[in-house]
């Protein structure tokens, strides 16, 4: 960032980007003044599970549903990435179906992504995998990630960097404000957004921008 001419900068991430942003926060590189994430890598404690509110019980239930019913793609790509990669790289229909299922499962669309995304936009997204033949590398990323040592935020080692968190209801991996407050030493913004899912910036771009602005105006 210094080579690009930025002395002060912020970071934002969801999904893999949230993992990278979290690691940046713990590294505290010079110039990083704040971060915003829409997915938190953490593990609820047994005390939190046993004392969960109704809203927190819904968080736990959604995560368990994801693990039990929706995470098959992760299991395959983190253990046998080449097998599925060659299959979808060889078939445009297979590639389209593989991506479409993700849009079904983790967007805030009740399994009907056409209600959230324009058809042309979904095709554009699929083509970003198909045209550069990126199926193999995108699948292998899950195997690479599985080899890493996890770096979740914990109560024992809270995040020191000012952080804003936006939780979208269609995201299966969520955290409550009460739980987040124990893991982020400088929680400058937290909001349970009314609409949106895992693909927050794509599903609700205007809301997503507002959430970032609400976070980063606190550290300007």
Protein backbone atom coordinates (compact mmCIF):
# COMPACT_ATOMS: atom_id res chain seq x y z
CA UNK A 1 0.00 0.00 0.00
CA UNK A 2 2.90 2.35 0.68
CA UNK A 3 4.29 1.67 -2.79
CA UNK A 4 0.88 2.65 -4.17
CA UNK A 5 1.10 5.91 -2.26
CA UNK A 6 -1.32 5.20 0.57
CA UNK A 7 -0.18 6.05 4.08
CA UNK A 8 -3.59 5.28 5.63
CA UNK A 9 -5.90 2.60 4.31
CA UNK A 10 -8.71 0.21 5.27
CA UNK A 11 -9.53 -3.40 4.44
CA UNK A 12 -12.81 -5.16 3.65
CA UNK A 13 -13.69 -8.78 3.09
CA UNK A 14 -16.31 -11.47 3.01
CA UNK A 15 -15.76 -15.23 2.66
CA UNK A 16 -12.07 -15.79 1.82
CA UNK A 17 -11.63 -12.04 1.84
CA UNK A 18 -12.84 -11.95 5.45
CA UNK A 19 -10.17 -14.50 6.38
CA UNK A 20 -7.49 -12.39 4.69
CA UNK A 21 -8.79 -9.17 6.26
CA UNK A 22 -8.81 -10.82 9.70
CA UNK A 23 -5.22 -11.94 9.29
CA UNK A 24 -4.27 -8.43 8.21
CA UNK A 25 -5.92 -7.10 11.35
CA UNK A 26 -3.88 -9.35 13.60
CA UNK A 27 -0.70 -8.46 11.69
CA UNK A 28 -1.47 -4.74 12.15
CA UNK A 29 0.60 -3.54 9.18
CA UNK A 30 1.55 0.12 9.16
CA UNK A 31 -1.21 2.27 7.71
CA UNK A 32 -4.16 -0.06 8.39
CA UNK A 33 -6.62 2.12 10.31
CA UNK A 34 -9.75 -0.03 10.20
CA UNK A 35 -11.54 -2.99 8.66
CA UNK A 36 -15.02 -4.14 7.72
CA UNK A 37 -16.11 -7.75 7.34
CA UNK A 38 -19.39 -9.45 6.49
CA UNK A 39 -18.30 -12.88 7.69
CA UNK A 40 -16.53 -13.67 10.96
CA UNK A 41 -14.29 -16.70 11.42
CA UNK A 42 -14.92 -17.77 15.03
CA UNK A 43 -16.11 -20.64 17.21
CA UNK A 44 -18.86 -20.15 19.82
CA UNK A 45 -17.81 -21.22 23.30
CA UNK A 46 -19.77 -23.82 25.25
CA UNK A 47 -20.97 -21.05 27.57
CA UNK A 48 -22.21 -19.03 24.62
CA UNK A 49 -24.01 -22.05 23.22
CA UNK A 50 -25.71 -22.87 26.51
CA UNK A 51 -26.71 -19.23 27.16
CA UNK A 52 -27.72 -18.40 23.59
CA UNK A 53 -30.65 -16.08 23.04
CA UNK A 54 -33.38 -17.02 20.56
CA UNK A 55 -31.59 -15.03 17.83
CA UNK A 56 -28.28 -16.70 18.69
CA UNK A 57 -29.91 -20.13 18.63
CA UNK A 58 -31.03 -19.32 15.07
CA UNK A 59 -27.41 -18.46 14.22
CA UNK A 60 -26.27 -21.83 15.57
CA UNK A 61 -29.06 -23.68 13.75
CA UNK A 62 -28.27 -22.01 10.42
CA UNK A 63 -24.60 -22.89 10.74
CA UNK A 64 -25.43 -26.50 11.57
CA UNK A 65 -27.80 -26.69 8.59
CA UNK A 66 -25.01 -25.41 6.37
CA UNK A 67 -22.57 -27.99 7.72
CA UNK A 68 -25.08 -30.86 7.45
CA UNK A 69 -26.80 -30.01 4.18
CA UNK A 70 -24.96 -27.42 2.10
CA UNK A 71 -21.22 -27.90 2.58
CA UNK A 72 -20.72 -30.84 0.21
CA UNK A 73 -18.91 -28.65 -2.30
CA UNK A 74 -16.41 -27.68 0.41
CA UNK A 75 -15.82 -31.31 1.39
CA UNK A 76 -15.10 -32.30 -2.21
CA UNK A 77 -12.93 -29.32 -3.13
CA UNK A 78 -10.92 -29.37 0.10
CA UNK A 79 -10.13 -33.10 -0.20
CA UNK A 80 -10.31 -34.01 -3.91
CA UNK A 81 -10.17 -30.71 -5.82
CA UNK A 82 -8.76 -32.09 -9.05
CA UNK A 83 -11.58 -34.60 -9.56
CA UNK A 84 -14.37 -32.03 -9.57
CA UNK A 85 -12.16 -29.42 -11.24
CA UNK A 86 -11.56 -31.48 -14.36
CA UNK A 87 -15.26 -32.34 -14.54
CA UNK A 88 -16.50 -28.75 -14.52
CA UNK A 89 -13.62 -27.54 -16.68
CA UNK A 90 -14.73 -30.04 -19.34
CA UNK A 91 -18.42 -29.13 -19.33
CA UNK A 92 -20.01 -25.68 -19.54
CA UNK A 93 -23.26 -27.17 -18.28
CA UNK A 94 -21.42 -28.74 -15.34
CA UNK A 95 -19.69 -25.45 -14.55
CA UNK A 96 -22.99 -23.56 -14.73
CA UNK A 97 -24.75 -26.07 -12.48
CA UNK A 98 -21.91 -26.01 -9.94
CA UNK A 99 -22.04 -22.23 -9.59
CA UNK A 100 -25.83 -22.01 -9.80
CA UNK A 101 -26.21 -24.38 -6.86
CA UNK A 102 -24.06 -22.05 -4.76
CA UNK A 103 -26.30 -19.13 -5.72
CA UNK A 104 -29.29 -21.23 -4.69
CA UNK A 105 -27.87 -22.33 -1.37
CA UNK A 106 -26.28 -19.27 0.21
CA UNK A 107 -27.93 -16.22 -1.34
CA UNK A 108 -30.91 -14.60 0.36
CA UNK A 109 -33.29 -15.93 -2.31
CA UNK A 110 -35.08 -18.88 -0.70
CA UNK A 111 -33.48 -21.17 -3.28
CA UNK A 112 -34.57 -19.00 -6.24
CA UNK A 113 -31.59 -16.86 -7.20
CA UNK A 114 -33.47 -15.40 -10.18
CA UNK A 115 -35.37 -13.30 -7.62
CA UNK A 116 -32.10 -11.68 -6.51
CA UNK A 117 -29.77 -11.78 -9.52
CA UNK A 118 -30.40 -10.86 -13.14
CA UNK A 119 -30.01 -13.85 -15.45
CA UNK A 120 -27.33 -12.08 -17.48
CA UNK A 121 -25.42 -11.30 -14.28
CA UNK A 122 -25.44 -14.96 -13.25
CA UNK A 123 -24.23 -15.96 -16.71
CA UNK A 124 -21.49 -13.33 -16.49
CA UNK A 125 -20.38 -14.79 -13.16
CA UNK A 126 -20.30 -18.32 -14.56
CA UNK A 127 -18.37 -17.11 -17.62
CA UNK A 128 -15.68 -15.67 -15.35
CA UNK A 129 -14.90 -19.29 -14.48
CA UNK A 130 -15.47 -20.75 -17.94
CA UNK A 131 -13.66 -18.38 -20.29
CA UNK A 132 -10.28 -18.32 -18.45
CA UNK A 133 -10.68 -22.04 -17.55
CA UNK A 134 -10.40 -21.18 -13.85
CA UNK A 135 -12.31 -24.19 -12.51
CA UNK A 136 -9.17 -26.06 -11.49
CA UNK A 137 -7.52 -23.18 -9.63
CA UNK A 138 -10.78 -22.07 -7.98
CA UNK A 139 -11.42 -25.61 -6.69
CA UNK A 140 -7.84 -26.07 -5.55
CA UNK A 141 -8.08 -22.94 -3.40
CA UNK A 142 -10.22 -24.96 -0.97
CA UNK A 143 -7.50 -27.61 -0.66
CA UNK A 144 -4.87 -24.90 -0.16
CA UNK A 145 -7.00 -23.23 2.51
CA UNK A 146 -7.52 -26.53 4.31
CA UNK A 147 -3.74 -26.84 4.73
CA UNK A 148 -3.55 -23.54 6.58
CA UNK A 149 -3.60 -23.07 10.31
CA UNK A 150 -6.94 -21.42 11.14
CA UNK A 151 -6.83 -17.89 12.56
CA UNK A 152 -10.26 -17.27 14.08
CA UNK A 153 -11.00 -14.31 16.31
CA UNK A 154 -11.17 -15.41 19.94
CA UNK A 155 -12.17 -14.02 23.31
CA UNK A 156 -8.64 -14.71 24.57
CA UNK A 157 -7.02 -12.79 21.69
CA UNK A 158 -9.48 -10.12 20.53
CA UNK A 159 -9.01 -8.24 17.27
CA UNK A 160 -7.12 -5.00 18.05
CA UNK A 161 -7.98 -3.05 14.87
CA UNK A 162 -11.18 -0.93 14.72
CA UNK A 163 -13.74 -3.16 13.03
CA UNK A 164 -17.20 -2.89 11.54
CA UNK A 165 -19.33 -6.00 11.06
CA UNK A 166 -22.41 -6.36 8.87
CA UNK A 167 -24.45 -9.54 9.20
CA UNK A 168 -26.71 -10.35 6.25
CA UNK A 169 -29.58 -12.76 7.06
CA UNK A 170 -28.92 -15.13 4.16
CA UNK A 171 -25.33 -15.70 5.32
CA UNK A 172 -25.27 -19.06 7.08
CA UNK A 173 -22.14 -18.20 9.12
CA UNK A 174 -23.17 -15.28 11.31
CA UNK A 175 -22.27 -13.86 14.71
CA UNK A 176 -24.32 -11.88 17.21
CA UNK A 177 -23.31 -8.42 18.38
CA UNK A 178 -22.97 -9.76 21.91
CA UNK A 179 -20.54 -12.46 20.81
CA UNK A 180 -18.67 -10.07 18.49
CA UNK A 181 -18.14 -7.52 21.26
CA UNK A 182 -16.06 -10.07 23.17
CA UNK A 183 -13.85 -10.82 20.17
CA UNK A 184 -13.27 -7.33 18.75
CA UNK A 185 -11.61 -4.89 21.11
CA UNK A 186 -12.70 -1.90 18.99
CA UNK A 187 -16.07 -2.81 17.50
CA UNK A 188 -16.99 0.52 15.89
CA UNK A 189 -20.02 -0.68 13.93
CA UNK A 190 -22.35 -3.68 14.01
CA UNK A 191 -25.57 -4.13 12.07
CA UNK A 192 -27.99 -6.96 11.35
CA UNK A 193 -29.02 -6.05 7.82
CA UNK A 194 -32.59 -6.83 6.74
CA UNK A 195 -31.80 -8.42 3.35
CA UNK A 196 -28.89 -10.10 1.61
CA UNK A 197 -26.83 -13.25 1.85
CA UNK A 198 -23.35 -14.63 1.34
CA UNK A 199 -22.84 -12.59 -1.85
CA UNK A 200 -23.65 -9.38 0.01
CA UNK A 201 -21.94 -6.87 -2.29
CA UNK A 202 -23.65 -8.43 -5.32
CA UNK A 203 -27.06 -8.97 -3.74
CA UNK A 204 -27.42 -5.63 -1.95
CA UNK A 205 -24.77 -3.26 -3.36
CA UNK A 206 -26.27 -0.02 -2.06
CA UNK A 207 -26.72 -1.40 1.46
CA UNK A 208 -23.24 -2.88 1.34
CA UNK A 209 -21.72 0.51 0.49
CA UNK A 210 -23.70 2.17 3.28
CA UNK A 211 -22.36 -0.39 5.75
CA UNK A 212 -18.77 0.29 4.74
CA UNK A 213 -19.32 4.03 4.97
CA UNK A 214 -20.86 3.68 8.43
CA UNK A 215 -17.78 1.75 9.53
CA UNK A 216 -15.02 3.80 7.97
CA UNK A 217 -16.36 7.24 8.84
CA UNK A 218 -15.55 6.33 12.45
CA UNK A 219 -11.84 6.01 11.65
CA UNK A 220 -11.38 8.81 9.07
